[in-house]
Amino acid sequence: MSTVPWSGPGWDDPELTRLAHRLREAHRLVAPLAAADRRRHIRHLLAITDLAKRDTALAGRRLDAFLAEFHRTPGAR
């Protein structure tokens, strides 16, 4: 057993880090919505998160599309 404290994952992928920050920000945008809308948007974000495990670039494009649609939706923010 090591005495060195864990400092996070051993990889440093700027693309994944950027995507993670953007997904976190998207969840913050969705949080104040009404329950039904929030659930729908969170399911969409979870699908994007799952996609990021297999295809980071595609997940980034889907997140871009999600955010563009979210900002166009009246009352979304």
N, C-alpha and C. Protein backbone atom coordinates (compact mmCIF):
# COMPACT_ATOMS: atom_id res chain seq x y z
N MET A 1 0.84 -1.18 0.00
CA MET A 1 0.00 0.00 0.00
C MET A 1 0.89 1.24 0.00
N SER A 2 0.57 2.17 -0.88
CA SER A 2 1.36 3.39 -1.02
C SER A 2 0.93 4.44 -0.01
N THR A 3 1.90 5.23 0.43
CA THR A 3 1.59 6.33 1.35
C THR A 3 1.40 7.64 0.61
N VAL A 4 1.57 7.62 -0.72
CA VAL A 4 1.39 8.82 -1.53
C VAL A 4 -0.11 9.04 -1.73
N PRO A 5 -0.61 10.23 -1.41
CA PRO A 5 -2.05 10.49 -1.59
C PRO A 5 -2.43 10.47 -3.06
N TRP A 6 -3.64 10.02 -3.33
CA TRP A 6 -4.12 9.94 -4.71
C TRP A 6 -4.41 11.34 -5.20
N SER A 7 -3.91 11.66 -6.37
CA SER A 7 -4.09 13.02 -6.91
C SER A 7 -4.94 13.03 -8.17
N GLY A 8 -5.75 12.02 -8.36
CA GLY A 8 -6.62 11.98 -9.53
C GLY A 8 -6.15 10.93 -10.53
N PRO A 9 -6.78 10.88 -11.68
CA PRO A 9 -6.42 9.88 -12.68
C PRO A 9 -5.01 10.10 -13.20
N GLY A 10 -4.41 9.02 -13.68
CA GLY A 10 -3.05 9.07 -14.17
C GLY A 10 -2.93 9.54 -15.61
N TRP A 11 -4.00 9.92 -16.23
CA TRP A 11 -3.95 10.41 -17.62
C TRP A 11 -4.20 11.90 -17.63
N ASP A 12 -3.72 12.50 -18.67
CA ASP A 12 -3.96 13.93 -18.84
C ASP A 12 -4.32 14.15 -20.30
N ASP A 13 -5.61 14.14 -20.58
CA ASP A 13 -6.11 14.33 -21.93
C ASP A 13 -6.89 15.63 -21.96
N PRO A 14 -6.32 16.69 -22.54
CA PRO A 14 -6.99 17.99 -22.53
C PRO A 14 -8.38 17.96 -23.15
N GLU A 15 -8.58 17.14 -24.17
CA GLU A 15 -9.89 17.06 -24.83
C GLU A 15 -10.94 16.49 -23.87
N LEU A 16 -10.58 15.43 -23.15
CA LEU A 16 -11.51 14.85 -22.19
C LEU A 16 -11.77 15.80 -21.03
N THR A 17 -10.73 16.48 -20.58
CA THR A 17 -10.89 17.43 -19.49
C THR A 17 -11.82 18.56 -19.89
N ARG A 18 -11.65 19.08 -21.10
CA ARG A 18 -12.52 20.16 -21.59
C ARG A 18 -13.97 19.67 -21.70
N LEU A 19 -14.15 18.46 -22.23
CA LEU A 19 -15.50 17.91 -22.35
C LEU A 19 -16.13 17.73 -20.97
N ALA A 20 -15.36 17.26 -20.01
CA ALA A 20 -15.88 17.08 -18.65
C ALA A 20 -16.32 18.41 -18.05
N HIS A 21 -15.53 19.44 -18.24
CA HIS A 21 -15.90 20.77 -17.72
C HIS A 21 -17.16 21.30 -18.41
N ARG A 22 -17.27 21.08 -19.71
CA ARG A 22 -18.45 21.54 -20.44
C ARG A 22 -19.70 20.77 -20.00
N LEU A 23 -19.57 19.46 -19.77
CA LEU A 23 -20.70 18.67 -19.29
C LEU A 23 -21.13 19.13 -17.90
N ARG A 24 -20.17 19.42 -17.05
CA ARG A 24 -20.49 19.91 -15.71
C ARG A 24 -21.24 21.25 -15.80
N GLU A 25 -20.78 22.12 -16.69
CA GLU A 25 -21.45 23.41 -16.87
C GLU A 25 -22.87 23.21 -17.42
N ALA A 26 -23.04 22.27 -18.34
CA ALA A 26 -24.37 21.99 -18.89
C ALA A 26 -25.31 21.51 -17.78
N HIS A 27 -24.82 20.67 -16.88
CA HIS A 27 -25.64 20.21 -15.76
C HIS A 27 -26.03 21.38 -14.87
N ARG A 28 -25.13 22.33 -14.68
CA ARG A 28 -25.45 23.52 -13.88
C ARG A 28 -26.55 24.35 -14.54
N LEU A 29 -26.53 24.43 -15.87
CA LEU A 29 -27.56 25.17 -16.59
C LEU A 29 -28.93 24.51 -16.46
N VAL A 30 -28.94 23.19 -16.43
CA VAL A 30 -30.18 22.42 -16.39
C VAL A 30 -30.77 22.38 -14.98
N ALA A 31 -29.94 22.47 -13.96
CA ALA A 31 -30.38 22.29 -12.57
C ALA A 31 -31.57 23.16 -12.15
N PRO A 32 -31.63 24.44 -12.53
CA PRO A 32 -32.75 25.26 -12.04
C PRO A 32 -34.07 25.07 -12.79
N LEU A 33 -34.11 24.22 -13.79
CA LEU A 33 -35.34 24.03 -14.56
C LEU A 33 -36.40 23.29 -13.76
N ALA A 34 -37.64 23.37 -14.23
CA ALA A 34 -38.73 22.60 -13.63
C ALA A 34 -38.41 21.11 -13.73
N ALA A 35 -38.95 20.34 -12.80
CA ALA A 35 -38.59 18.92 -12.67
C ALA A 35 -38.71 18.13 -13.97
N ALA A 36 -39.82 18.26 -14.68
CA ALA A 36 -40.02 17.47 -15.90
C ALA A 36 -38.99 17.84 -16.97
N ASP A 37 -38.77 19.13 -17.15
CA ASP A 37 -37.77 19.57 -18.13
C ASP A 37 -36.37 19.16 -17.71
N ARG A 38 -36.08 19.30 -16.43
CA ARG A 38 -34.76 18.95 -15.91
C ARG A 38 -34.47 17.47 -16.15
N ARG A 39 -35.43 16.60 -15.86
CA ARG A 39 -35.22 15.15 -16.06
C ARG A 39 -34.92 14.84 -17.53
N ARG A 40 -35.68 15.45 -18.42
CA ARG A 40 -35.48 15.22 -19.86
C ARG A 40 -34.08 15.65 -20.29
N HIS A 41 -33.67 16.83 -19.86
CA HIS A 41 -32.35 17.34 -20.24
C HIS A 41 -31.22 16.52 -19.60
N ILE A 42 -31.42 16.10 -18.37
CA ILE A 42 -30.38 15.30 -17.71
C ILE A 42 -30.23 13.95 -18.39
N ARG A 43 -31.32 13.34 -18.82
CA ARG A 43 -31.20 12.07 -19.57
C ARG A 43 -30.38 12.28 -20.83
N HIS A 44 -30.62 13.39 -21.50
CA HIS A 44 -29.86 13.71 -22.72
C HIS A 44 -28.38 13.88 -22.38
N LEU A 45 -28.07 14.59 -21.31
CA LEU A 45 -26.67 14.78 -20.91
C LEU A 45 -26.02 13.48 -20.49
N LEU A 46 -26.77 12.60 -19.84
CA LEU A 46 -26.21 11.30 -19.48
C LEU A 46 -25.89 10.46 -20.71
N ALA A 47 -26.72 10.55 -21.73
CA ALA A 47 -26.44 9.85 -22.98
C ALA A 47 -25.16 10.39 -23.62
N ILE A 48 -24.97 11.70 -23.57
CA ILE A 48 -23.75 12.30 -24.11
C ILE A 48 -22.54 11.85 -23.30
N THR A 49 -22.68 11.81 -21.99
CA THR A 49 -21.60 11.35 -21.12
C THR A 49 -21.23 9.91 -21.44
N ASP A 50 -22.23 9.07 -21.63
CA ASP A 50 -21.96 7.67 -21.98
C ASP A 50 -21.25 7.57 -23.33
N LEU A 51 -21.67 8.37 -24.29
CA LEU A 51 -21.03 8.39 -25.60
C LEU A 51 -19.57 8.80 -25.50
N ALA A 52 -19.26 9.70 -24.58
CA ALA A 52 -17.88 10.18 -24.42
C ALA A 52 -16.92 9.06 -24.06
N LYS A 53 -17.41 7.99 -23.49
CA LYS A 53 -16.56 6.84 -23.17
C LYS A 53 -16.03 6.16 -24.43
N ARG A 54 -16.78 6.29 -25.52
CA ARG A 54 -16.42 5.60 -26.76
C ARG A 54 -15.92 6.54 -27.85
N ASP A 55 -16.48 7.75 -27.91
CA ASP A 55 -16.14 8.67 -29.00
C ASP A 55 -16.20 10.10 -28.48
N THR A 56 -15.07 10.60 -28.04
CA THR A 56 -15.01 11.93 -27.43
C THR A 56 -15.41 13.03 -28.40
N ALA A 57 -14.94 12.92 -29.64
CA ALA A 57 -15.24 13.96 -30.63
C ALA A 57 -16.74 14.04 -30.91
N LEU A 58 -17.37 12.89 -31.10
CA LEU A 58 -18.81 12.87 -31.35
C LEU A 58 -19.58 13.39 -30.13
N ALA A 59 -19.14 13.00 -28.94
CA ALA A 59 -19.80 13.51 -27.73
C ALA A 59 -19.68 15.03 -27.65
N GLY A 60 -18.54 15.58 -28.03
CA GLY A 60 -18.37 17.03 -28.04
C GLY A 60 -19.33 17.70 -29.01
N ARG A 61 -19.50 17.10 -30.19
CA ARG A 61 -20.43 17.67 -31.17
C ARG A 61 -21.87 17.58 -30.67
N ARG A 62 -22.21 16.47 -30.05
CA ARG A 62 -23.57 16.32 -29.50
C ARG A 62 -23.82 17.32 -28.38
N LEU A 63 -22.79 17.56 -27.56
CA LEU A 63 -22.93 18.54 -26.49
C LEU A 63 -23.10 19.94 -27.07
N ASP A 64 -22.35 20.25 -28.14
CA ASP A 64 -22.52 21.54 -28.82
C ASP A 64 -23.96 21.70 -29.29
N ALA A 65 -24.51 20.66 -29.91
CA ALA A 65 -25.89 20.71 -30.41
C ALA A 65 -26.88 20.85 -29.25
N PHE A 66 -26.64 20.11 -28.17
CA PHE A 66 -27.51 20.20 -27.00
C PHE A 66 -27.53 21.63 -26.46
N LEU A 67 -26.34 22.22 -26.29
CA LEU A 67 -26.25 23.56 -25.73
C LEU A 67 -26.87 24.60 -26.66
N ALA A 68 -26.68 24.44 -27.97
CA ALA A 68 -27.29 25.37 -28.92
C ALA A 68 -28.81 25.31 -28.83
N GLU A 69 -29.35 24.10 -28.77
CA GLU A 69 -30.80 23.94 -28.65
C GLU A 69 -31.29 24.45 -27.30
N PHE A 70 -30.54 24.17 -26.25
CA PHE A 70 -30.92 24.61 -24.91
C PHE A 70 -31.02 26.14 -24.85
N HIS A 71 -30.07 26.81 -25.45
CA HIS A 71 -30.08 28.28 -25.42
C HIS A 71 -31.17 28.87 -26.33
N ARG A 72 -31.62 28.12 -27.33
CA ARG A 72 -32.69 28.61 -28.22
C ARG A 72 -34.07 28.39 -27.59
N THR A 73 -34.18 27.46 -26.65
CA THR A 73 -35.46 27.12 -26.05
C THR A 73 -35.93 28.25 -25.14
N PRO A 74 -37.12 28.79 -25.39
CA PRO A 74 -37.63 29.88 -24.54
C PRO A 74 -37.79 29.42 -23.09
N GLY A 75 -37.34 30.24 -22.18
CA GLY A 75 -37.48 29.92 -20.76
C GLY A 75 -36.48 28.91 -20.24
N ALA A 76 -35.53 28.52 -21.07
CA ALA A 76 -34.56 27.52 -20.63
C ALA A 76 -33.54 28.11 -19.69
N ARG A 77 -33.38 29.44 -19.73
CA ARG A 77 -32.37 30.03 -18.89
C ARG A 77 -32.81 31.33 -18.33
